[in-house]
Amino acid sequence: ATSDIAFILIVFFLVCASVEPDKGRAQTLPRSEPEPQKNKQSQNIEVELTRDAVIMNGNPLPKETFTKTIILKLADKTREEDKIVAVKSRKEVPYSHWMDVTGIIEDAGGVITLQLEEEQTVQVQ
């Protein structure tokens, strides 16, 4: 009786082991060489507000020049994602100054995104 059970178990395991294992699901893997990007990466405009100045892409501008410059920069951009303007503001900036500058950006057709203090990167030299 014990040998019969052992024989049946051996036959069972042999039959199970001889069954072809699953091949899994078919996958298409990406190529190793990079393909050229169809859409060029958009360069967002960065505006930093200080107490008495507007800094656009690292260049300080008077408010009148800023208005003309932002209109010109946004005029040649057609896609919505190209019109993004990242606005950074320091703590000492008056609320009225912030409202004026963001109003100018919106009137020029820009989409405002805020860069909060915890998202800013600090370089230590």
N, C-alpha and C. Protein backbone atom coordinates (compact mmCIF):
# COMPACT_ATOMS: atom_id res chain seq x y z
N ALA A 1 0.83 -1.18 0.00
CA ALA A 1 0.00 0.00 0.00
C ALA A 1 0.88 1.25 0.00
N THR A 2 1.93 1.22 0.82
CA THR A 2 2.81 2.38 0.87
C THR A 2 3.58 2.52 -0.42
N SER A 3 3.99 1.42 -1.00
CA SER A 3 4.72 1.48 -2.26
C SER A 3 3.81 1.94 -3.39
N ASP A 4 2.53 1.60 -3.34
CA ASP A 4 1.59 2.07 -4.36
C ASP A 4 1.43 3.60 -4.29
N ILE A 5 1.34 4.14 -3.09
CA ILE A 5 1.21 5.59 -2.94
C ILE A 5 2.48 6.28 -3.43
N ALA A 6 3.64 5.72 -3.10
CA ALA A 6 4.91 6.29 -3.55
C ALA A 6 4.99 6.25 -5.07
N PHE A 7 4.56 5.13 -5.68
CA PHE A 7 4.59 5.01 -7.14
C PHE A 7 3.66 6.05 -7.78
N ILE A 8 2.48 6.22 -7.23
CA ILE A 8 1.53 7.19 -7.78
C ILE A 8 2.09 8.61 -7.66
N LEU A 9 2.72 8.92 -6.53
CA LEU A 9 3.32 10.24 -6.36
C LEU A 9 4.46 10.48 -7.36
N ILE A 10 5.28 9.46 -7.58
CA ILE A 10 6.38 9.60 -8.55
C ILE A 10 5.82 9.84 -9.94
N VAL A 11 4.80 9.07 -10.33
CA VAL A 11 4.18 9.25 -11.65
C VAL A 11 3.55 10.64 -11.75
N PHE A 12 2.89 11.07 -10.70
CA PHE A 12 2.26 12.39 -10.70
C PHE A 12 3.30 13.49 -10.90
N PHE A 13 4.41 13.43 -10.17
CA PHE A 13 5.44 14.45 -10.31
C PHE A 13 6.12 14.39 -11.67
N LEU A 14 6.29 13.21 -12.24
CA LEU A 14 6.88 13.11 -13.58
C LEU A 14 5.96 13.73 -14.63
N VAL A 15 4.67 13.48 -14.50
CA VAL A 15 3.71 14.05 -15.45
C VAL A 15 3.68 15.57 -15.32
N CYS A 16 3.67 16.07 -14.10
CA CYS A 16 3.63 17.52 -13.89
C CYS A 16 4.91 18.18 -14.38
N ALA A 17 6.04 17.53 -14.19
CA ALA A 17 7.32 18.11 -14.60
C ALA A 17 7.48 18.10 -16.11
N SER A 18 6.85 17.19 -16.79
CA SER A 18 7.01 17.11 -18.24
C SER A 18 6.10 18.07 -18.99
N VAL A 19 5.13 18.67 -18.31
CA VAL A 19 4.25 19.63 -18.96
C VAL A 19 5.07 20.88 -19.25
N GLU A 20 4.90 21.42 -20.46
CA GLU A 20 5.67 22.60 -20.86
C GLU A 20 5.27 23.79 -19.99
N PRO A 21 6.25 24.47 -19.43
CA PRO A 21 5.92 25.62 -18.57
C PRO A 21 5.35 26.77 -19.39
N ASP A 22 4.62 27.64 -18.70
CA ASP A 22 4.05 28.80 -19.38
C ASP A 22 5.16 29.69 -19.92
N LYS A 23 4.91 30.27 -21.07
CA LYS A 23 5.90 31.14 -21.68
C LYS A 23 5.75 32.57 -21.18
N GLY A 24 4.72 32.87 -20.48
CA GLY A 24 4.52 34.23 -19.99
C GLY A 24 3.85 35.08 -21.05
N ARG A 25 3.68 36.30 -20.73
CA ARG A 25 3.01 37.17 -21.67
C ARG A 25 4.04 37.83 -22.57
N ALA A 26 3.68 38.01 -23.80
CA ALA A 26 4.60 38.62 -24.77
C ALA A 26 4.79 40.09 -24.45
N GLN A 27 6.03 40.54 -24.52
CA GLN A 27 6.34 41.94 -24.24
C GLN A 27 7.20 42.50 -25.36
N THR A 28 6.95 43.74 -25.66
CA THR A 28 7.81 44.43 -26.62
C THR A 28 8.71 45.36 -25.82
N LEU A 29 10.00 45.10 -25.88
CA LEU A 29 10.96 45.89 -25.13
C LEU A 29 11.46 47.04 -25.97
N PRO A 30 11.75 48.16 -25.35
CA PRO A 30 12.25 49.31 -26.12
C PRO A 30 13.66 49.05 -26.62
N ARG A 31 13.99 49.74 -27.69
CA ARG A 31 15.34 49.61 -28.25
C ARG A 31 16.34 50.29 -27.32
N SER A 32 17.56 49.87 -27.44
CA SER A 32 18.59 50.45 -26.58
C SER A 32 19.08 51.80 -27.09
N GLU A 33 19.01 52.03 -28.40
CA GLU A 33 19.45 53.33 -28.91
C GLU A 33 18.32 54.34 -28.77
N PRO A 34 18.65 55.54 -28.35
CA PRO A 34 17.61 56.55 -28.15
C PRO A 34 17.06 57.06 -29.48
N GLU A 35 15.76 57.24 -29.50
CA GLU A 35 15.13 57.80 -30.69
C GLU A 35 15.08 59.31 -30.54
N PRO A 36 15.20 60.03 -31.63
CA PRO A 36 15.14 61.50 -31.51
C PRO A 36 13.75 61.93 -31.04
N GLN A 37 13.73 62.90 -30.15
CA GLN A 37 12.46 63.38 -29.63
C GLN A 37 11.75 64.20 -30.69
N LYS A 38 10.45 63.93 -30.81
CA LYS A 38 9.67 64.65 -31.81
C LYS A 38 9.36 66.06 -31.33
N ASN A 39 9.03 66.19 -30.06
CA ASN A 39 8.72 67.51 -29.50
C ASN A 39 9.93 68.03 -28.76
N LYS A 40 10.34 69.21 -29.09
CA LYS A 40 11.48 69.77 -28.38
C LYS A 40 11.06 70.16 -26.97
N GLN A 41 12.01 70.03 -26.06
CA GLN A 41 11.73 70.35 -24.67
C GLN A 41 11.51 71.86 -24.54
N SER A 42 10.41 72.23 -23.94
CA SER A 42 10.12 73.65 -23.82
C SER A 42 10.92 74.24 -22.66
N GLN A 43 11.42 75.43 -22.87
CA GLN A 43 12.16 76.15 -21.84
C GLN A 43 11.19 77.13 -21.19
N ASN A 44 10.84 76.87 -19.95
CA ASN A 44 9.91 77.73 -19.24
C ASN A 44 10.58 79.04 -18.85
N ILE A 45 9.78 80.07 -18.80
CA ILE A 45 10.26 81.38 -18.37
C ILE A 45 10.21 81.40 -16.84
N GLU A 46 11.28 81.87 -16.22
CA GLU A 46 11.33 81.98 -14.77
C GLU A 46 11.33 83.44 -14.37
N VAL A 47 10.41 83.79 -13.48
CA VAL A 47 10.31 85.16 -12.99
C VAL A 47 10.48 85.12 -11.48
N GLU A 48 11.41 85.91 -10.99
CA GLU A 48 11.63 86.01 -9.55
C GLU A 48 11.29 87.42 -9.10
N LEU A 49 10.49 87.51 -8.06
CA LEU A 49 10.07 88.81 -7.55
C LEU A 49 10.86 89.15 -6.29
N THR A 50 11.44 90.33 -6.29
CA THR A 50 12.05 90.86 -5.08
C THR A 50 11.23 92.07 -4.64
N ARG A 51 11.65 92.71 -3.58
CA ARG A 51 10.86 93.81 -3.03
C ARG A 51 10.62 94.92 -4.04
N ASP A 52 11.62 95.24 -4.85
CA ASP A 52 11.46 96.36 -5.77
C ASP A 52 11.90 96.04 -7.20
N ALA A 53 12.08 94.76 -7.52
CA ALA A 53 12.54 94.41 -8.88
C ALA A 53 11.87 93.15 -9.37
N VAL A 54 11.92 92.98 -10.68
CA VAL A 54 11.45 91.76 -11.33
C VAL A 54 12.65 91.17 -12.06
N ILE A 55 12.95 89.91 -11.78
CA ILE A 55 14.09 89.24 -12.41
C ILE A 55 13.53 88.16 -13.32
N MET A 56 13.77 88.28 -14.63
CA MET A 56 13.26 87.29 -15.59
C MET A 56 14.45 86.54 -16.18
N ASN A 57 14.46 85.22 -15.97
CA ASN A 57 15.54 84.34 -16.44
C ASN A 57 16.91 84.87 -16.01
N GLY A 58 16.99 85.41 -14.80
CA GLY A 58 18.26 85.88 -14.26
C GLY A 58 18.60 87.32 -14.57
N ASN A 59 17.79 88.00 -15.38
CA ASN A 59 18.05 89.40 -15.76
C ASN A 59 17.08 90.33 -15.04
N PRO A 60 17.58 91.27 -14.21
CA PRO A 60 16.68 92.22 -13.57
C PRO A 60 16.12 93.22 -14.58
N LEU A 61 14.81 93.45 -14.49
CA LEU A 61 14.13 94.34 -15.44
C LEU A 61 13.24 95.32 -14.70
N PRO A 62 13.13 96.57 -15.20
CA PRO A 62 12.11 97.47 -14.67
C PRO A 62 10.72 96.97 -15.09
N LYS A 63 9.70 97.39 -14.37
CA LYS A 63 8.35 96.88 -14.63
C LYS A 63 7.89 97.18 -16.06
N GLU A 64 8.21 98.35 -16.60
CA GLU A 64 7.79 98.70 -17.96
C GLU A 64 8.47 97.80 -19.00
N THR A 65 9.76 97.58 -18.82
CA THR A 65 10.49 96.70 -19.73
C THR A 65 10.02 95.26 -19.59
N PHE A 66 9.69 94.85 -18.35
CA PHE A 66 9.20 93.50 -18.12
C PHE A 66 7.92 93.25 -18.89
N THR A 67 7.01 94.21 -18.89
CA THR A 67 5.74 94.05 -19.61
C THR A 67 5.99 93.79 -21.09
N LYS A 68 6.82 94.60 -21.72
CA LYS A 68 7.10 94.43 -23.15
C LYS A 68 7.83 93.11 -23.42
N THR A 69 8.78 92.77 -22.56
CA THR A 69 9.58 91.56 -22.75
C THR A 69 8.73 90.30 -22.62
N ILE A 70 7.87 90.25 -21.62
CA ILE A 70 7.05 89.04 -21.42
C ILE A 70 6.04 88.88 -22.55
N ILE A 71 5.52 89.99 -23.06
CA ILE A 71 4.59 89.91 -24.19
C ILE A 71 5.31 89.36 -25.42
N LEU A 72 6.52 89.84 -25.67
CA LEU A 72 7.29 89.36 -26.83
C LEU A 72 7.68 87.89 -26.68
N LYS A 73 8.08 87.48 -25.48
CA LYS A 73 8.49 86.09 -25.27
C LYS A 73 7.32 85.13 -25.41
N LEU A 74 6.14 85.54 -24.96
CA LEU A 74 4.98 84.64 -25.02
C LEU A 74 4.26 84.71 -26.37
N ALA A 75 4.50 85.75 -27.15
CA ALA A 75 3.78 85.91 -28.42
C ALA A 75 4.15 84.83 -29.43
N ASP A 76 5.40 84.39 -29.43
CA ASP A 76 5.82 83.40 -30.43
C ASP A 76 5.59 81.96 -29.98
N LYS A 77 5.01 81.77 -28.80
CA LYS A 77 4.74 80.41 -28.31
C LYS A 77 3.28 80.07 -28.59
N THR A 78 3.07 78.93 -29.26
CA THR A 78 1.72 78.56 -29.65
C THR A 78 1.12 77.50 -28.72
N ARG A 79 1.94 76.59 -28.24
CA ARG A 79 1.41 75.52 -27.38
C ARG A 79 1.22 76.02 -25.95
N GLU A 80 0.21 75.51 -25.29
CA GLU A 80 -0.11 75.92 -23.92
C GLU A 80 1.02 75.58 -22.96
N GLU A 81 1.66 74.42 -23.14
CA GLU A 81 2.74 74.02 -22.24
C GLU A 81 4.00 74.85 -22.42
N ASP A 82 4.12 75.56 -23.54
CA ASP A 82 5.26 76.46 -23.75
C ASP A 82 5.06 77.81 -23.07
N LYS A 83 3.83 78.12 -22.68
CA LYS A 83 3.52 79.43 -22.10
C LYS A 83 3.59 79.42 -20.57
N ILE A 84 4.19 78.39 -20.00
CA ILE A 84 4.28 78.30 -18.54
C ILE A 84 5.34 79.27 -18.03
N VAL A 85 4.96 80.02 -17.02
CA VAL A 85 5.88 80.98 -16.38
C VAL A 85 5.98 80.59 -14.90
N ALA A 86 7.18 80.19 -14.48
CA ALA A 86 7.41 79.82 -13.07
C ALA A 86 7.71 81.09 -12.29
N VAL A 87 6.88 81.36 -11.28
CA VAL A 87 7.03 82.58 -10.49
C VAL A 87 7.54 82.22 -9.10
N LYS A 88 8.66 82.84 -8.73
CA LYS A 88 9.23 82.69 -7.38
C LYS A 88 9.12 84.04 -6.70
N SER A 89 8.78 84.01 -5.44
CA SER A 89 8.61 85.26 -4.71
C SER A 89 9.30 85.17 -3.37
N ARG A 90 10.00 86.22 -3.00
CA ARG A 90 10.64 86.28 -1.69
C ARG A 90 9.62 86.72 -0.65
N LYS A 91 9.93 86.49 0.61
CA LYS A 91 8.97 86.79 1.69
C LYS A 91 8.67 88.27 1.82
N GLU A 92 9.64 89.11 1.51
CA GLU A 92 9.46 90.55 1.73
C GLU A 92 8.72 91.26 0.59
N VAL A 93 8.30 90.52 -0.44
CA VAL A 93 7.62 91.14 -1.59
C VAL A 93 6.21 91.59 -1.18
N PRO A 94 5.86 92.85 -1.43
CA PRO A 94 4.50 93.31 -1.12
C PRO A 94 3.47 92.59 -2.00
N TYR A 95 2.32 92.37 -1.42
CA TYR A 95 1.26 91.66 -2.14
C TYR A 95 0.84 92.42 -3.40
N SER A 96 0.81 93.73 -3.34
CA SER A 96 0.40 94.52 -4.52
C SER A 96 1.39 94.34 -5.67
N HIS A 97 2.67 94.25 -5.35
CA HIS A 97 3.70 94.03 -6.39
C HIS A 97 3.51 92.65 -7.03
N TRP A 98 3.23 91.65 -6.19
CA TRP A 98 3.01 90.29 -6.69
C TRP A 98 1.78 90.25 -7.60
N MET A 99 0.70 90.92 -7.18
CA MET A 99 -0.53 90.94 -7.98
C MET A 99 -0.32 91.66 -9.31
N ASP A 100 0.44 92.76 -9.30
CA ASP A 100 0.71 93.49 -10.54
C ASP A 100 1.47 92.63 -11.54
N VAL A 101 2.52 91.97 -11.07
CA VAL A 101 3.37 91.18 -11.98
C VAL A 101 2.61 89.96 -12.50
N THR A 102 1.89 89.25 -11.64
CA THR A 102 1.15 88.08 -12.11
C THR A 102 0.02 88.50 -13.05
N GLY A 103 -0.56 89.67 -12.83
CA GLY A 103 -1.57 90.20 -13.75
C GLY A 103 -0.98 90.48 -15.13
N ILE A 104 0.23 91.03 -15.16
CA ILE A 104 0.91 91.29 -16.43
C ILE A 104 1.16 89.98 -17.17
N ILE A 105 1.60 88.96 -16.44
CA ILE A 105 1.88 87.65 -17.06
C ILE A 105 0.60 87.05 -17.62
N GLU A 106 -0.48 87.09 -16.86
CA GLU A 106 -1.75 86.54 -17.34
C GLU A 106 -2.29 87.31 -18.53
N ASP A 107 -2.16 88.63 -18.52
CA ASP A 107 -2.62 89.44 -19.65
C ASP A 107 -1.81 89.16 -20.91
N ALA A 108 -0.56 88.78 -20.74
CA ALA A 108 0.29 88.45 -21.89
C ALA A 108 0.02 87.05 -22.42
N GLY A 109 -0.81 86.27 -21.71
CA GLY A 109 -1.14 84.92 -22.16
C GLY A 109 -0.36 83.82 -21.47
N GLY A 110 0.36 84.16 -20.42
CA GLY A 110 1.16 83.16 -19.72
C GLY A 110 0.34 82.34 -18.74
N VAL A 111 0.82 81.13 -18.47
CA VAL A 111 0.21 80.25 -17.47
C VAL A 111 1.14 80.27 -16.26
N ILE A 112 0.64 80.74 -15.14
CA ILE A 112 1.48 80.93 -13.95
C ILE A 112 1.55 79.65 -13.14
N THR A 113 2.77 79.26 -12.78
CA THR A 113 2.99 78.20 -11.80
C THR A 113 3.86 78.79 -10.71
N LEU A 114 3.58 78.42 -9.49
CA LEU A 114 4.32 78.96 -8.35
C LEU A 114 5.42 77.99 -7.96
N GLN A 115 6.60 78.52 -7.73
CA GLN A 115 7.68 77.70 -7.20
C GLN A 115 7.81 78.08 -5.74
N LEU A 116 7.39 77.16 -4.89
CA LEU A 116 7.39 77.42 -3.46
C LEU A 116 8.79 77.29 -2.88
N GLU A 117 8.95 77.78 -1.68
CA GLU A 117 10.28 77.83 -1.06
C GLU A 117 10.89 76.44 -0.91
N GLU A 118 10.09 75.43 -0.56
CA GLU A 118 10.64 74.10 -0.37
C GLU A 118 11.07 73.45 -1.68
N GLU A 119 10.63 73.99 -2.81
CA GLU A 119 11.01 73.45 -4.11
C GLU A 119 12.25 74.12 -4.68
N GLN A 120 12.68 75.22 -4.08
CA GLN A 120 13.83 75.95 -4.60
C GLN A 120 15.11 75.21 -4.27
N THR A 121 16.07 75.28 -5.17
CA THR A 121 17.37 74.67 -4.93
C THR A 121 18.36 75.76 -4.54
N VAL A 122 19.19 75.44 -3.58
CA VAL A 122 20.18 76.39 -3.09
C VAL A 122 21.55 75.82 -3.40
N GLN A 123 22.38 76.63 -4.05
CA GLN A 123 23.75 76.21 -4.35
C GLN A 123 24.68 76.83 -3.34
N VAL A 124 25.48 75.98 -2.70
CA VAL A 124 26.45 76.45 -1.72
C VAL A 124 27.82 76.39 -2.36
N GLN A 125 28.55 77.50 -2.30
CA GLN A 125 29.87 77.52 -2.92
C GLN A 125 30.97 77.51 -1.89
